Amino acid sequence: AARESAGKIDSVTDEEIAEAYRLMALEGVFCEPASAASVAGVLKRTKQSPFNPDDNIVCILTGNGLKDPDSALSRGVHFEPSVVGANLTDVAHAIFG
């Protein structure tokens, strides 16, 4: 698949995964640490050589952070839940501002 798509396969460290995991959580995407590996790879590749503006980048996140919430807590990722009214207007406002 990597050859057919002119892609690349590389490795990332536990530290790079932890950083990607934390960044994803801060953006509101709560994945499990293993799922953050693809994002860590993109971040690593970006530091080595920026992507072209017309490149398509896909990161597959297969695991929800609720599978391993202790990882979030141990890495200092804490969320304050939002209280949202039980109606479409309030939910849309909470999501889209």
PDB file of N, CA and C in Angstrom:
ATOM      1  N   ALA A   1       0.834  -1.192   0.000  1.00  0.00           N
ATOM      2  CA  ALA A   1       0.000   0.000   0.000  1.00  0.00           C
ATOM      3  C   ALA A   1       0.879   1.256   0.000  1.00  0.00           C
ATOM      4  N   ALA A   2       1.975   1.221   0.749  1.00  0.00           N
ATOM      5  CA  ALA A   2       2.853   2.391   0.790  1.00  0.00           C
ATOM      6  C   ALA A   2       3.447   2.670  -0.586  1.00  0.00           C
ATOM      7  N   ARG A   3       3.905   1.616  -1.264  1.00  0.00           N
ATOM      8  CA  ARG A   3       4.478   1.813  -2.603  1.00  0.00           C
ATOM      9  C   ARG A   3       3.424   2.284  -3.596  1.00  0.00           C
ATOM     10  N   GLU A   4       2.264   1.663  -3.566  1.00  0.00           N
ATOM     11  CA  GLU A   4       1.206   2.013  -4.515  1.00  0.00           C
ATOM     12  C   GLU A   4       0.731   3.450  -4.350  1.00  0.00           C
ATOM     13  N   SER A   5       0.796   3.968  -3.140  1.00  0.00           N
ATOM     14  CA  SER A   5       0.326   5.329  -2.888  1.00  0.00           C
ATOM     15  C   SER A   5       1.463   6.342  -2.806  1.00  0.00           C
ATOM     16  N   ALA A   6       2.680   5.884  -3.087  1.00  0.00           N
ATOM     17  CA  ALA A   6       3.873   6.729  -2.937  1.00  0.00           C
ATOM     18  C   ALA A   6       3.985   7.223  -1.494  1.00  0.00           C
ATOM     19  N   GLY A   7       3.547   6.367  -0.569  1.00  0.00           N
ATOM     20  CA  GLY A   7       3.588   6.708   0.847  1.00  0.00           C
ATOM     21  C   GLY A   7       4.869   6.253   1.493  1.00  0.00           C
ATOM     22  N   LYS A   8       4.887   6.329   2.800  1.00  0.00           N
ATOM     23  CA  LYS A   8       6.077   5.961   3.559  1.00  0.00           C
ATOM     24  C   LYS A   8       5.664   5.321   4.870  1.00  0.00           C
ATOM     25  N   ILE A   9       6.421   4.363   5.298  1.00  0.00           N
ATOM     26  CA  ILE A   9       6.223   3.735   6.598  1.00  0.00           C
ATOM     27  C   ILE A   9       7.456   4.024   7.431  1.00  0.00           C
ATOM     28  N   ASP A  10       7.249   4.453   8.667  1.00  0.00           N
ATOM     29  CA  ASP A  10       8.353   4.816   9.543  1.00  0.00           C
ATOM     30  C   ASP A  10       7.981   4.401  10.963  1.00  0.00           C
ATOM     31  N   SER A  11       8.882   4.601  11.889  1.00  0.00           N
ATOM     32  CA  SER A  11       8.613   4.287  13.290  1.00  0.00           C
ATOM     33  C   SER A  11       8.575   5.588  14.083  1.00  0.00           C
ATOM     34  N   VAL A  12       7.908   5.524  15.236  1.00  0.00           N
ATOM     35  CA  VAL A  12       7.864   6.658  16.155  1.00  0.00           C
ATOM     36  C   VAL A  12       8.160   6.143  17.561  1.00  0.00           C
ATOM     37  N   THR A  13       8.666   7.020  18.386  1.00  0.00           N
ATOM     38  CA  THR A  13       8.999   6.640  19.765  1.00  0.00           C
ATOM     39  C   THR A  13       7.764   6.776  20.663  1.00  0.00           C
ATOM     40  N   ASP A  14       7.862   6.194  21.837  1.00  0.00           N
ATOM     41  CA  ASP A  14       6.791   6.346  22.822  1.00  0.00           C
ATOM     42  C   ASP A  14       6.584   7.816  23.168  1.00  0.00           C
ATOM     43  N   GLU A  15       7.659   8.576  23.225  1.00  0.00           N
ATOM     44  CA  GLU A  15       7.562  10.005  23.537  1.00  0.00           C
ATOM     45  C   GLU A  15       6.830  10.752  22.426  1.00  0.00           C
ATOM     46  N   GLU A  16       7.111  10.402  21.173  1.00  0.00           N
ATOM     47  CA  GLU A  16       6.418  11.050  20.054  1.00  0.00           C
ATOM     48  C   GLU A  16       4.933  10.697  20.058  1.00  0.00           C
ATOM     49  N   ILE A  17       4.609   9.466  20.395  1.00  0.00           N
ATOM     50  CA  ILE A  17       3.204   9.060  20.493  1.00  0.00           C
ATOM     51  C   ILE A  17       2.516   9.820  21.624  1.00  0.00           C
ATOM     52  N   ALA A  18       3.176   9.936  22.766  1.00  0.00           N
ATOM     53  CA  ALA A  18       2.592  10.647  23.906  1.00  0.00           C
ATOM     54  C   ALA A  18       2.318  12.107  23.560  1.00  0.00           C
ATOM     55  N   GLU A  19       3.227  12.737  22.848  1.00  0.00           N
ATOM     56  CA  GLU A  19       3.022  14.137  22.450  1.00  0.00           C
ATOM     57  C   GLU A  19       1.854  14.257  21.478  1.00  0.00           C
ATOM     58  N   ALA A  20       1.772  13.380  20.505  1.00  0.00           N
ATOM     59  CA  ALA A  20       0.655  13.398  19.558  1.00  0.00           C
ATOM     60  C   ALA A  20      -0.661  13.142  20.283  1.00  0.00           C
ATOM     61  N   TYR A  21      -0.642  12.217  21.212  1.00  0.00           N
ATOM     62  CA  TYR A  21      -1.821  11.894  22.018  1.00  0.00           C
ATOM     63  C   TYR A  21      -2.307  13.129  22.775  1.00  0.00           C
ATOM     64  N   ARG A  22      -1.369  13.817  23.394  1.00  0.00           N
ATOM     65  CA  ARG A  22      -1.722  15.023  24.155  1.00  0.00           C
ATOM     66  C   ARG A  22      -2.275  16.109  23.242  1.00  0.00           C
ATOM     67  N   LEU A  23      -1.633  16.313  22.090  1.00  0.00           N
ATOM     68  CA  LEU A  23      -2.110  17.323  21.145  1.00  0.00           C
ATOM     69  C   LEU A  23      -3.502  16.991  20.614  1.00  0.00           C
ATOM     70  N   MET A  24      -3.733  15.723  20.318  1.00  0.00           N
ATOM     71  CA  MET A  24      -5.049  15.310  19.837  1.00  0.00           C
ATOM     72  C   MET A  24      -6.110  15.587  20.902  1.00  0.00           C
ATOM     73  N   ALA A  25      -5.798  15.260  22.156  1.00  0.00           N
ATOM     74  CA  ALA A  25      -6.751  15.491  23.243  1.00  0.00           C
ATOM     75  C   ALA A  25      -7.060  16.975  23.388  1.00  0.00           C
ATOM     76  N   LEU A  26      -6.040  17.820  23.270  1.00  0.00           N
ATOM     77  CA  LEU A  26      -6.253  19.263  23.387  1.00  0.00           C
ATOM     78  C   LEU A  26      -7.115  19.803  22.251  1.00  0.00           C
ATOM     79  N   GLU A  27      -7.109  19.103  21.117  1.00  0.00           N
ATOM     80  CA  GLU A  27      -7.956  19.498  19.979  1.00  0.00           C
ATOM     81  C   GLU A  27      -9.349  18.890  20.062  1.00  0.00           C
ATOM     82  N   GLY A  28      -9.594  18.084  21.104  1.00  0.00           N
ATOM     83  CA  GLY A  28     -10.921  17.508  21.285  1.00  0.00           C
ATOM     84  C   GLY A  28     -11.099  16.128  20.696  1.00  0.00           C
ATOM     85  N   VAL A  29     -10.005  15.491  20.278  1.00  0.00           N
ATOM     86  CA  VAL A  29     -10.068  14.133  19.745  1.00  0.00           C
ATOM     87  C   VAL A  29      -9.453  13.214  20.796  1.00  0.00           C
ATOM     88  N   PHE A  30     -10.302  12.425  21.437  1.00  0.00           N
ATOM     89  CA  PHE A  30      -9.856  11.580  22.538  1.00  0.00           C
ATOM     90  C   PHE A  30      -9.675  10.155  22.022  1.00  0.00           C
ATOM     91  N   CYS A  31      -8.470   9.885  21.553  1.00  0.00           N
ATOM     92  CA  CYS A  31      -8.142   8.551  21.042  1.00  0.00           C
ATOM     93  C   CYS A  31      -7.291   7.828  22.074  1.00  0.00           C
ATOM     94  N   GLU A  32      -7.102   6.541  21.870  1.00  0.00           N
ATOM     95  CA  GLU A  32      -6.190   5.818  22.753  1.00  0.00           C
ATOM     96  C   GLU A  32      -4.760   6.073  22.282  1.00  0.00           C
ATOM     97  N   PRO A  33      -3.764   5.902  23.132  1.00  0.00           N
ATOM     98  CA  PRO A  33      -2.390   6.210  22.743  1.00  0.00           C
ATOM     99  C   PRO A  33      -1.927   5.497  21.465  1.00  0.00           C
ATOM    100  N   ALA A  34      -2.278   4.228  21.295  1.00  0.00           N
ATOM    101  CA  ALA A  34      -1.834   3.509  20.094  1.00  0.00           C
ATOM    102  C   ALA A  34      -2.370   4.156  18.827  1.00  0.00           C
ATOM    103  N   SER A  35      -3.554   4.719  18.885  1.00  0.00           N
ATOM    104  CA  SER A  35      -4.117   5.376  17.707  1.00  0.00           C
ATOM    105  C   SER A  35      -3.384   6.668  17.373  1.00  0.00           C
ATOM    106  N   ALA A  36      -2.744   7.268  18.352  1.00  0.00           N
ATOM    107  CA  ALA A  36      -2.015   8.513  18.111  1.00  0.00           C
ATOM    108  C   ALA A  36      -0.719   8.277  17.350  1.00  0.00           C
ATOM    109  N   ALA A  37      -0.331   7.025  17.140  1.00  0.00           N
ATOM    110  CA  ALA A  37       0.921   6.729  16.430  1.00  0.00           C
ATOM    111  C   ALA A  37       0.907   7.280  15.012  1.00  0.00           C
ATOM    112  N   SER A  38      -0.240   7.199  14.330  1.00  0.00           N
ATOM    113  CA  SER A  38      -0.282   7.722  12.959  1.00  0.00           C
ATOM    114  C   SER A  38      -0.087   9.239  12.945  1.00  0.00           C
ATOM    115  N   VAL A  39      -0.677   9.925  13.902  1.00  0.00           N
ATOM    116  CA  VAL A  39      -0.502  11.384  14.008  1.00  0.00           C
ATOM    117  C   VAL A  39       0.942  11.704  14.376  1.00  0.00           C
ATOM    118  N   ALA A  40       1.525  10.913  15.264  1.00  0.00           N
ATOM    119  CA  ALA A  40       2.935  11.108  15.623  1.00  0.00           C
ATOM    120  C   ALA A  40       3.821  10.985  14.389  1.00  0.00           C
ATOM    121  N   GLY A  41       3.491  10.039  13.518  1.00  0.00           N
ATOM    122  CA  GLY A  41       4.258   9.876  12.282  1.00  0.00           C
ATOM    123  C   GLY A  41       4.153  11.086  11.372  1.00  0.00           C
ATOM    124  N   VAL A  42       2.972  11.649  11.274  1.00  0.00           N
ATOM    125  CA  VAL A  42       2.787  12.855  10.450  1.00  0.00           C
ATOM    126  C   VAL A  42       3.570  14.019  11.046  1.00  0.00           C
ATOM    127  N   LEU A  43       3.509  14.172  12.358  1.00  0.00           N
ATOM    128  CA  LEU A  43       4.258  15.255  13.006  1.00  0.00           C
ATOM    129  C   LEU A  43       5.763  15.086  12.810  1.00  0.00           C
ATOM    130  N   LYS A  44       6.228  13.850  12.933  1.00  0.00           N
ATOM    131  CA  LYS A  44       7.656  13.566  12.731  1.00  0.00           C
ATOM    132  C   LYS A  44       8.063  13.902  11.297  1.00  0.00           C
ATOM    133  N   ARG A  45       7.276  13.457  10.346  1.00  0.00           N
ATOM    134  CA  ARG A  45       7.574  13.699   8.924  1.00  0.00           C
ATOM    135  C   ARG A  45       7.552  15.192   8.607  1.00  0.00           C
ATOM    136  N   THR A  46       6.628  15.937   9.236  1.00  0.00           N
ATOM    137  CA  THR A  46       6.526  17.379   9.000  1.00  0.00           C
ATOM    138  C   THR A  46       7.784  18.094   9.477  1.00  0.00           C
ATOM    139  N   LYS A  47       8.362  17.630  10.587  1.00  0.00           N
ATOM    140  CA  LYS A  47       9.596  18.239  11.093  1.00  0.00           C
ATOM    141  C   LYS A  47      10.778  17.965  10.165  1.00  0.00           C
ATOM    142  N   GLN A  48      10.759  16.818   9.490  1.00  0.00           N
ATOM    143  CA  GLN A  48      11.852  16.453   8.585  1.00  0.00           C
ATOM    144  C   GLN A  48      11.748  17.191   7.262  1.00  0.00           C
ATOM    145  N   SER A  49      10.535  17.288   6.750  1.00  0.00           N
ATOM    146  CA  SER A  49      10.304  17.923   5.454  1.00  0.00           C
ATOM    147  C   SER A  49       8.820  18.244   5.344  1.00  0.00           C
ATOM    148  N   PRO A  50       8.475  19.522   5.198  1.00  0.00           N
ATOM    149  CA  PRO A  50       7.056  19.885   5.151  1.00  0.00           C
ATOM    150  C   PRO A  50       6.322  19.199   3.992  1.00  0.00           C
ATOM    151  N   PHE A  51       5.057  18.936   4.218  1.00  0.00           N
ATOM    152  CA  PHE A  51       4.216  18.393   3.158  1.00  0.00           C
ATOM    153  C   PHE A  51       3.904  19.483   2.152  1.00  0.00           C
ATOM    154  N   ASN A  52       3.547  19.094   0.944  1.00  0.00           N
ATOM    155  CA  ASN A  52       3.083  20.031  -0.063  1.00  0.00           C
ATOM    156  C   ASN A  52       1.634  20.399   0.249  1.00  0.00           C
ATOM    157  N   PRO A  53       1.227  21.612  -0.075  1.00  0.00           N
ATOM    158  CA  PRO A  53      -0.155  22.034   0.224  1.00  0.00           C
ATOM    159  C   PRO A  53      -1.220  21.144  -0.421  1.00  0.00           C
ATOM    160  N   ASP A  54      -0.896  20.516  -1.528  1.00  0.00           N
ATOM    161  CA  ASP A  54      -1.897  19.679  -2.207  1.00  0.00           C
ATOM    162  C   ASP A  54      -1.810  18.201  -1.813  1.00  0.00           C
ATOM    163  N   ASP A  55      -0.948  17.853  -0.860  1.00  0.00           N
ATOM    164  CA  ASP A  55      -0.851  16.462  -0.385  1.00  0.00           C
ATOM    165  C   ASP A  55      -2.111  16.078   0.389  1.00  0.00           C
ATOM    166  N   ASN A  56      -2.527  14.846   0.219  1.00  0.00           N
ATOM    167  CA  ASN A  56      -3.617  14.288   1.011  1.00  0.00           C
ATOM    168  C   ASN A  56      -3.001  13.472   2.141  1.00  0.00           C
ATOM    169  N   ILE A  57      -3.403  13.762   3.365  1.00  0.00           N
ATOM    170  CA  ILE A  57      -2.869  13.072   4.534  1.00  0.00           C
ATOM    171  C   ILE A  57      -4.032  12.450   5.283  1.00  0.00           C
ATOM    172  N   VAL A  58      -3.910  11.154   5.555  1.00  0.00           N
ATOM    173  CA  VAL A  58      -4.968  10.436   6.266  1.00  0.00           C
ATOM    174  C   VAL A  58      -4.350   9.733   7.471  1.00  0.00           C
ATOM    175  N   CYS A  59      -4.906   9.966   8.642  1.00  0.00           N
ATOM    176  CA  CYS A  59      -4.503   9.262   9.852  1.00  0.00           C
ATOM    177  C   CYS A  59      -5.702   8.459  10.341  1.00  0.00           C
ATOM    178  N   ILE A  60      -5.498   7.175  10.510  1.00  0.00           N
ATOM    179  CA  ILE A  60      -6.568   6.308  10.980  1.00  0.00           C
ATOM    180  C   ILE A  60      -6.467   6.193  12.500  1.00  0.00           C
ATOM    181  N   LEU A  61      -7.536   6.555  13.183  1.00  0.00           N
ATOM    182  CA  LEU A  61      -7.603   6.437  14.636  1.00  0.00           C
ATOM    183  C   LEU A  61      -8.633   5.356  14.946  1.00  0.00           C
ATOM    184  N   THR A  62      -8.163   4.215  15.421  1.00  0.00           N
ATOM    185  CA  THR A  62      -9.053   3.078  15.596  1.00  0.00           C
ATOM    186  C   THR A  62      -9.532   2.874  17.015  1.00  0.00           C
ATOM    187  N   GLY A  63      -8.944   3.555  17.973  1.00  0.00           N
ATOM    188  CA  GLY A  63      -9.300   3.306  19.363  1.00  0.00           C
ATOM    189  C   GLY A  63      -9.728   4.568  20.079  1.00  0.00           C
ATOM    190  N   ASN A  64     -10.824   4.490  20.798  1.00  0.00           N
ATOM    191  CA  ASN A  64     -11.342   5.596  21.586  1.00  0.00           C
ATOM    192  C   ASN A  64     -10.543   5.728  22.879  1.00  0.00           C
ATOM    193  N   GLY A  65     -10.346   6.949  23.338  1.00  0.00           N
ATOM    194  CA  GLY A  65      -9.610   7.196  24.569  1.00  0.00           C
ATOM    195  C   GLY A  65     -10.249   6.587  25.797  1.00  0.00           C
ATOM    196  N   LEU A  66     -11.534   6.278  25.719  1.00  0.00           N
ATOM    197  CA  LEU A  66     -12.203   5.673  26.865  1.00  0.00           C
ATOM    198  C   LEU A  66     -11.759   4.225  27.093  1.00  0.00           C
ATOM    199  N   LYS A  67     -11.037   3.649  26.121  1.00  0.00           N
ATOM    200  CA  LYS A  67     -10.476   2.316  26.322  1.00  0.00           C
ATOM    201  C   LYS A  67      -9.364   2.341  27.362  1.00  0.00           C
ATOM    202  N   ASP A  68      -8.718   3.509  27.501  1.00  0.00           N
ATOM    203  CA  ASP A  68      -7.580   3.625  28.404  1.00  0.00           C
ATOM    204  C   ASP A  68      -7.529   5.024  29.013  1.00  0.00           C
ATOM    205  N   PRO A  69      -8.524   5.406  29.814  1.00  0.00           N
ATOM    206  CA  PRO A  69      -8.538   6.773  30.354  1.00  0.00           C
ATOM    207  C   PRO A  69      -7.383   7.059  31.307  1.00  0.00           C
ATOM    208  N   ASP A  70      -6.808   6.027  31.922  1.00  0.00           N
ATOM    209  CA  ASP A  70      -5.681   6.258  32.832  1.00  0.00           C
ATOM    210  C   ASP A  70      -4.480   6.842  32.102  1.00  0.00           C
ATOM    211  N   SER A  71      -4.326   6.525  30.811  1.00  0.00           N
ATOM    212  CA  SER A  71      -3.224   7.112  30.039  1.00  0.00           C
ATOM    213  C   SER A  71      -3.370   8.618  29.947  1.00  0.00           C
ATOM    214  N   ALA A  72      -4.582   9.078  29.767  1.00  0.00           N
ATOM    215  CA  ALA A  72      -4.812  10.526  29.689  1.00  0.00           C
ATOM    216  C   ALA A  72      -4.477  11.183  31.025  1.00  0.00           C
ATOM    217  N   LEU A  73      -4.960  10.597  32.080  1.00  0.00           N
ATOM    218  CA  LEU A  73      -4.724  11.186  33.406  1.00  0.00           C
ATOM    219  C   LEU A  73      -3.249  11.177  33.763  1.00  0.00           C
ATOM    220  N   SER A  74      -2.550  10.108  33.421  1.00  0.00           N
ATOM    221  CA  SER A  74      -1.130  10.020  33.764  1.00  0.00           C
ATOM    222  C   SER A  74      -0.277  10.972  32.934  1.00  0.00           C
ATOM    223  N   ARG A  75      -0.803  11.444  31.806  1.00  0.00           N
ATOM    224  CA  ARG A  75      -0.067  12.380  30.952  1.00  0.00           C
ATOM    225  C   ARG A  75      -0.520  13.821  31.154  1.00  0.00           C
ATOM    226  N   GLY A  76      -1.330  14.037  32.171  1.00  0.00           N
ATOM    227  CA  GLY A  76      -1.760  15.400  32.476  1.00  0.00           C
ATOM    228  C   GLY A  76      -2.840  15.936  31.565  1.00  0.00           C
ATOM    229  N   VAL A  77      -3.547  15.065  30.857  1.00  0.00           N
ATOM    230  CA  VAL A  77      -4.638  15.498  29.997  1.00  0.00           C
ATOM    231  C   VAL A  77      -5.916  15.420  30.823  1.00  0.00           C
ATOM    232  N   HIS A  78      -6.455  16.572  31.141  1.00  0.00           N
ATOM    233  CA  HIS A  78      -7.675  16.628  31.949  1.00  0.00           C
ATOM    234  C   HIS A  78      -8.718  17.436  31.201  1.00  0.00           C
ATOM    235  N   PHE A  79      -9.928  16.988  31.269  1.00  0.00           N
ATOM    236  CA  PHE A  79     -11.024  17.664  30.589  1.00  0.00           C
ATOM    237  C   PHE A  79     -12.054  18.110  31.612  1.00  0.00           C
ATOM    238  N   GLU A  80     -12.530  19.294  31.443  1.00  0.00           N
ATOM    239  CA  GLU A  80     -13.665  19.761  32.224  1.00  0.00           C
ATOM    240  C   GLU A  80     -14.883  19.581  31.330  1.00  0.00           C
ATOM    241  N   PRO A  81     -15.826  18.764  31.759  1.00  0.00           N
ATOM    242  CA  PRO A  81     -16.993  18.548  30.914  1.00  0.00           C
ATOM    243  C   PRO A  81     -17.805  19.819  30.766  1.00  0.00           C
ATOM    244  N   SER A  82     -18.387  19.971  29.605  1.00  0.00           N
ATOM    245  CA  SER A  82     -19.289  21.091  29.347  1.00  0.00           C
ATOM    246  C   SER A  82     -20.712  20.657  29.633  1.00  0.00           C
ATOM    247  N   VAL A  83     -21.484  21.557  30.190  1.00  0.00           N
ATOM    248  CA  VAL A  83     -22.901  21.295  30.393  1.00  0.00           C
ATOM    249  C   VAL A  83     -23.637  21.944  29.242  1.00  0.00           C
ATOM    250  N   VAL A  84     -24.383  21.130  28.517  1.00  0.00           N
ATOM    251  CA  VAL A  84     -25.079  21.603  27.322  1.00  0.00           C
ATOM    252  C   VAL A  84     -26.547  21.248  27.451  1.00  0.00           C
ATOM    253  N   GLY A  85     -27.398  22.182  27.085  1.00  0.00           N
ATOM    254  CA  GLY A  85     -28.834  21.922  27.112  1.00  0.00           C
ATOM    255  C   GLY A  85     -29.203  20.768  26.191  1.00  0.00           C
ATOM    256  N   ALA A  86     -30.267  20.098  26.519  1.00  0.00           N
ATOM    257  CA  ALA A  86     -30.702  18.918  25.758  1.00  0.00           C
ATOM    258  C   ALA A  86     -31.590  19.333  24.593  1.00  0.00           C
ATOM    259  N   ASN A  87     -31.048  20.201  23.744  1.00  0.00           N
ATOM    260  CA  ASN A  87     -31.785  20.607  22.545  1.00  0.00           C
ATOM    261  C   ASN A  87     -30.786  20.893  21.436  1.00  0.00           C
ATOM    262  N   LEU A  88     -31.244  20.820  20.210  1.00  0.00           N
ATOM    263  CA  LEU A  88     -30.365  20.934  19.051  1.00  0.00           C
ATOM    264  C   LEU A  88     -29.632  22.268  18.990  1.00  0.00           C
ATOM    265  N   THR A  89     -30.296  23.341  19.347  1.00  0.00           N
ATOM    266  CA  THR A  89     -29.661  24.668  19.285  1.00  0.00           C
ATOM    267  C   THR A  89     -28.460  24.751  20.231  1.00  0.00           C
ATOM    268  N   ASP A  90     -28.640  24.310  21.475  1.00  0.00           N
ATOM    269  CA  ASP A  90     -27.546  24.369  22.443  1.00  0.00           C
ATOM    270  C   ASP A  90     -26.400  23.430  22.057  1.00  0.00           C
ATOM    271  N   VAL A  91     -26.731  22.260  21.552  1.00  0.00           N
ATOM    272  CA  VAL A  91     -25.688  21.311  21.135  1.00  0.00           C
ATOM    273  C   VAL A  91     -24.914  21.887  19.951  1.00  0.00           C
ATOM    274  N   ALA A  92     -25.613  22.419  18.964  1.00  0.00           N
ATOM    275  CA  ALA A  92     -24.931  23.014  17.800  1.00  0.00           C
ATOM    276  C   ALA A  92     -24.053  24.180  18.231  1.00  0.00           C
ATOM    277  N   HIS A  93     -24.518  24.984  19.149  1.00  0.00           N
ATOM    278  CA  HIS A  93     -23.720  26.112  19.629  1.00  0.00           C
ATOM    279  C   HIS A  93     -22.468  25.624  20.364  1.00  0.00           C
ATOM    280  N   ALA A  94     -22.594  24.546  21.152  1.00  0.00           N
ATOM    281  CA  ALA A  94     -21.443  23.989  21.874  1.00  0.00           C
ATOM    282  C   ALA A  94     -20.399  23.439  20.911  1.00  0.00           C
ATOM    283  N   ILE A  95     -20.846  22.868  19.810  1.00  0.00           N
ATOM    284  CA  ILE A  95     -19.918  22.271  18.845  1.00  0.00           C
ATOM    285  C   ILE A  95     -19.328  23.317  17.916  1.00  0.00           C
ATOM    286  N   PHE A  96     -20.175  24.180  17.368  1.00  0.00           N
ATOM    287  CA  PHE A  96     -19.733  25.085  16.314  1.00  0.00           C
ATOM    288  C   PHE A  96     -19.508  26.523  16.778  1.00  0.00           C
ATOM    289  N   GLY A  97     -19.877  26.817  18.014  1.00  0.00           N
ATOM    290  CA  GLY A  97     -19.656  28.171  18.527  1.00  0.00           C
ATOM    291  C   GLY A  97     -20.721  29.151  18.182  1.00  0.00           C
TER     292      GLY A  97
END
